[in-house]
């Protein structure tokens, strides 16, 4: 991991087309702005983790689905 120190209104450039700028620094938060091409997906890490967890929870094997359907048929 690269660690850099920046002040308000200073930025870093990633791969010639992504710029990350420090917009505001407060007591315990840093507000950043990200300028990147539209095709670059940008997520907050907690949203990416939640998305991965939801995808894993939603994934069901064919055998498990068949068992679920058979159990449902038995209760109707």
N, C-alpha and C. Protein backbone atom coordinates (compact mmCIF):
# COMPACT_ATOMS: atom_id res chain seq x y z
N UNK A 1 0.85 -1.17 0.00
CA UNK A 1 0.00 0.00 0.00
C UNK A 1 0.90 1.24 0.00
N UNK A 2 0.61 2.13 -0.90
CA UNK A 2 1.30 3.41 -0.94
C UNK A 2 0.59 4.37 0.01
N UNK A 3 1.35 5.01 0.87
CA UNK A 3 0.78 5.99 1.81
C UNK A 3 1.38 7.34 1.47
N UNK A 4 0.51 8.33 1.24
CA UNK A 4 0.97 9.69 0.92
C UNK A 4 0.29 10.68 1.85
N UNK A 5 0.94 11.79 2.05
CA UNK A 5 0.37 12.87 2.86
C UNK A 5 -0.06 13.99 1.92
N UNK A 6 -1.28 14.47 2.07
CA UNK A 6 -1.81 15.54 1.24
C UNK A 6 -2.51 16.56 2.13
N UNK A 7 -2.52 17.78 1.69
CA UNK A 7 -3.25 18.86 2.36
C UNK A 7 -4.50 19.16 1.55
N UNK A 8 -5.38 19.98 2.10
CA UNK A 8 -6.59 20.39 1.39
C UNK A 8 -6.22 20.98 0.03
N UNK A 9 -6.97 20.59 -0.99
CA UNK A 9 -6.80 21.01 -2.38
C UNK A 9 -5.59 20.38 -3.07
N UNK A 10 -4.91 19.46 -2.43
CA UNK A 10 -3.84 18.71 -3.08
C UNK A 10 -4.41 17.39 -3.57
N UNK A 11 -3.77 16.81 -4.58
CA UNK A 11 -4.32 15.59 -5.15
C UNK A 11 -3.21 14.62 -5.53
N UNK A 12 -3.65 13.41 -5.89
CA UNK A 12 -2.76 12.41 -6.47
C UNK A 12 -3.39 11.94 -7.77
N UNK A 13 -2.57 11.47 -8.68
CA UNK A 13 -3.05 10.97 -9.97
C UNK A 13 -2.71 9.49 -10.07
N UNK A 14 -3.67 8.70 -10.51
CA UNK A 14 -3.50 7.26 -10.66
C UNK A 14 -3.69 6.93 -12.14
N UNK A 15 -2.70 6.29 -12.72
CA UNK A 15 -2.77 5.79 -14.10
C UNK A 15 -3.16 6.87 -15.12
N UNK A 16 -2.70 8.06 -14.96
CA UNK A 16 -2.89 9.16 -15.91
C UNK A 16 -4.33 9.64 -16.09
N UNK A 17 -5.33 8.90 -15.59
CA UNK A 17 -6.71 9.33 -15.86
C UNK A 17 -7.62 9.34 -14.63
N UNK A 18 -7.06 9.12 -13.45
CA UNK A 18 -7.85 9.16 -12.22
C UNK A 18 -7.15 10.13 -11.27
N UNK A 19 -7.90 11.13 -10.83
CA UNK A 19 -7.34 12.11 -9.90
C UNK A 19 -8.15 12.09 -8.60
N UNK A 20 -7.46 11.97 -7.50
CA UNK A 20 -8.08 11.97 -6.17
C UNK A 20 -7.62 13.24 -5.46
N UNK A 21 -8.59 14.09 -5.08
CA UNK A 21 -8.28 15.38 -4.47
C UNK A 21 -8.84 15.45 -3.06
N UNK A 22 -8.05 15.96 -2.14
CA UNK A 22 -8.52 16.20 -0.77
C UNK A 22 -9.30 17.50 -0.80
N UNK A 23 -10.60 17.42 -0.53
CA UNK A 23 -11.47 18.60 -0.57
C UNK A 23 -11.58 19.29 0.78
N UNK A 24 -11.62 18.49 1.84
CA UNK A 24 -11.85 19.06 3.16
C UNK A 24 -11.30 18.11 4.22
N UNK A 25 -10.71 18.68 5.24
CA UNK A 25 -10.23 17.89 6.37
C UNK A 25 -10.89 18.45 7.62
N UNK A 26 -11.60 17.58 8.35
CA UNK A 26 -12.23 18.01 9.60
C UNK A 26 -11.66 17.17 10.73
N UNK A 27 -12.26 17.26 11.88
CA UNK A 27 -11.73 16.61 13.08
C UNK A 27 -11.38 15.13 12.86
N UNK A 28 -12.33 14.34 12.38
CA UNK A 28 -12.08 12.91 12.22
C UNK A 28 -12.47 12.38 10.84
N UNK A 29 -12.63 13.29 9.88
CA UNK A 29 -13.03 12.87 8.53
C UNK A 29 -12.23 13.62 7.48
N UNK A 30 -12.05 12.96 6.35
CA UNK A 30 -11.43 13.58 5.19
C UNK A 30 -12.41 13.45 4.04
N UNK A 31 -12.76 14.55 3.40
CA UNK A 31 -13.65 14.51 2.24
C UNK A 31 -12.76 14.53 1.00
N UNK A 32 -12.95 13.53 0.13
CA UNK A 32 -12.15 13.47 -1.09
C UNK A 32 -13.06 13.54 -2.31
N UNK A 33 -12.50 14.01 -3.40
CA UNK A 33 -13.18 14.01 -4.68
C UNK A 33 -12.41 13.12 -5.63
N UNK A 34 -13.12 12.36 -6.44
CA UNK A 34 -12.48 11.44 -7.38
C UNK A 34 -12.94 11.80 -8.78
N UNK A 35 -12.00 12.13 -9.62
CA UNK A 35 -12.28 12.45 -11.01
C UNK A 35 -11.74 11.29 -11.85
N UNK A 36 -12.66 10.53 -12.46
CA UNK A 36 -12.27 9.34 -13.22
C UNK A 36 -13.22 9.17 -14.40
N UNK A 37 -12.78 8.43 -15.42
CA UNK A 37 -13.67 8.14 -16.55
C UNK A 37 -14.92 7.39 -16.07
N UNK A 38 -16.02 7.55 -16.79
CA UNK A 38 -17.29 6.92 -16.40
C UNK A 38 -17.18 5.40 -16.32
N UNK A 39 -16.34 4.80 -17.14
CA UNK A 39 -16.25 3.34 -17.16
C UNK A 39 -15.51 2.77 -15.94
N UNK A 40 -14.88 3.63 -15.15
CA UNK A 40 -14.20 3.18 -13.94
C UNK A 40 -15.22 3.13 -12.80
N UNK A 41 -15.42 1.94 -12.26
CA UNK A 41 -16.37 1.78 -11.15
C UNK A 41 -15.69 2.16 -9.85
N UNK A 42 -16.36 2.97 -9.06
CA UNK A 42 -15.83 3.42 -7.78
C UNK A 42 -16.86 3.12 -6.70
N UNK A 43 -16.47 2.34 -5.70
CA UNK A 43 -17.36 1.97 -4.60
C UNK A 43 -16.68 2.30 -3.28
N UNK A 44 -17.46 2.67 -2.29
CA UNK A 44 -16.94 2.72 -0.92
C UNK A 44 -16.72 1.27 -0.50
N UNK A 45 -15.67 1.01 0.25
CA UNK A 45 -15.31 -0.38 0.58
C UNK A 45 -16.43 -1.11 1.32
N UNK A 46 -17.16 -0.42 2.20
CA UNK A 46 -18.22 -1.10 2.94
C UNK A 46 -19.36 -1.51 2.02
N UNK A 47 -19.60 -0.77 0.95
CA UNK A 47 -20.65 -1.16 -0.01
C UNK A 47 -20.20 -2.35 -0.84
N UNK A 48 -18.94 -2.39 -1.21
CA UNK A 48 -18.42 -3.52 -1.98
C UNK A 48 -18.49 -4.79 -1.13
N UNK A 49 -18.13 -4.70 0.14
CA UNK A 49 -18.20 -5.85 1.03
C UNK A 49 -19.64 -6.32 1.19
N UNK A 50 -20.57 -5.40 1.36
CA UNK A 50 -21.99 -5.76 1.49
C UNK A 50 -22.51 -6.40 0.21
N UNK A 51 -22.10 -5.88 -0.94
CA UNK A 51 -22.52 -6.44 -2.22
C UNK A 51 -22.02 -7.87 -2.36
N UNK A 52 -20.76 -8.11 -2.01
CA UNK A 52 -20.20 -9.46 -2.10
C UNK A 52 -20.92 -10.41 -1.15
N UNK A 53 -21.23 -9.94 0.04
CA UNK A 53 -21.96 -10.77 1.01
C UNK A 53 -23.34 -11.12 0.48
N UNK A 54 -24.04 -10.15 -0.10
CA UNK A 54 -25.37 -10.40 -0.66
C UNK A 54 -25.31 -11.38 -1.81
N UNK A 55 -24.30 -11.24 -2.67
CA UNK A 55 -24.17 -12.15 -3.80
C UNK A 55 -23.91 -13.57 -3.32
N UNK A 56 -23.08 -13.71 -2.28
CA UNK A 56 -22.80 -15.04 -1.74
C UNK A 56 -24.06 -15.63 -1.10
N UNK A 57 -24.83 -14.81 -0.42
CA UNK A 57 -26.05 -15.28 0.22
C UNK A 57 -27.10 -15.68 -0.81
N UNK A 58 -27.13 -14.98 -1.93
CA UNK A 58 -28.13 -15.24 -2.96
C UNK A 58 -27.77 -16.46 -3.81
N UNK A 59 -26.52 -16.85 -3.81
CA UNK A 59 -26.10 -17.99 -4.63
C UNK A 59 -26.60 -19.28 -3.98
N UNK A 60 -27.28 -20.09 -4.77
CA UNK A 60 -27.80 -21.35 -4.27
C UNK A 60 -27.51 -22.43 -5.31
N UNK A 61 -27.06 -23.57 -4.86
CA UNK A 61 -26.72 -24.64 -5.79
C UNK A 61 -27.99 -25.27 -6.36
N UNK A 62 -27.84 -25.96 -7.48
CA UNK A 62 -28.98 -26.62 -8.10
C UNK A 62 -29.61 -27.65 -7.17
N UNK A 63 -28.76 -28.41 -6.46
CA UNK A 63 -29.26 -29.44 -5.54
C UNK A 63 -30.03 -28.81 -4.39
N UNK A 64 -29.51 -27.70 -3.86
CA UNK A 64 -30.20 -27.03 -2.76
C UNK A 64 -31.53 -26.46 -3.23
N UNK A 65 -31.57 -25.92 -4.44
CA UNK A 65 -32.81 -25.38 -4.99
C UNK A 65 -33.83 -26.50 -5.18
N UNK A 66 -33.39 -27.63 -5.71
CA UNK A 66 -34.29 -28.76 -5.91
C UNK A 66 -34.85 -29.24 -4.57
N UNK A 67 -34.00 -29.32 -3.55
CA UNK A 67 -34.46 -29.74 -2.23
C UNK A 67 -35.47 -28.75 -1.67
N UNK A 68 -35.21 -27.47 -1.85
CA UNK A 68 -36.13 -26.44 -1.38
C UNK A 68 -37.48 -26.57 -2.07
N UNK A 69 -37.46 -26.77 -3.38
CA UNK A 69 -38.72 -26.94 -4.12
C UNK A 69 -39.47 -28.18 -3.68
N UNK A 70 -38.75 -29.28 -3.47
CA UNK A 70 -39.39 -30.52 -3.01
C UNK A 70 -40.00 -30.34 -1.63
N UNK A 71 -39.29 -29.62 -0.75
CA UNK A 71 -39.84 -29.36 0.59
C UNK A 71 -41.10 -28.51 0.50
N UNK A 72 -41.10 -27.54 -0.41
CA UNK A 72 -42.26 -26.66 -0.57
C UNK A 72 -43.46 -27.45 -1.11
N UNK A 73 -43.21 -28.36 -2.06
CA UNK A 73 -44.29 -29.17 -2.61
C UNK A 73 -44.92 -30.04 -1.54
N UNK A 74 -44.10 -30.50 -0.61
CA UNK A 74 -44.60 -31.35 0.47
C UNK A 74 -45.49 -30.62 1.46
N UNK A 75 -45.37 -29.29 1.51
CA UNK A 75 -46.17 -28.52 2.47
C UNK A 75 -47.43 -27.96 1.84
N UNK A 76 -47.60 -28.07 0.52
CA UNK A 76 -48.79 -27.48 -0.11
C UNK A 76 -49.91 -28.47 -0.18
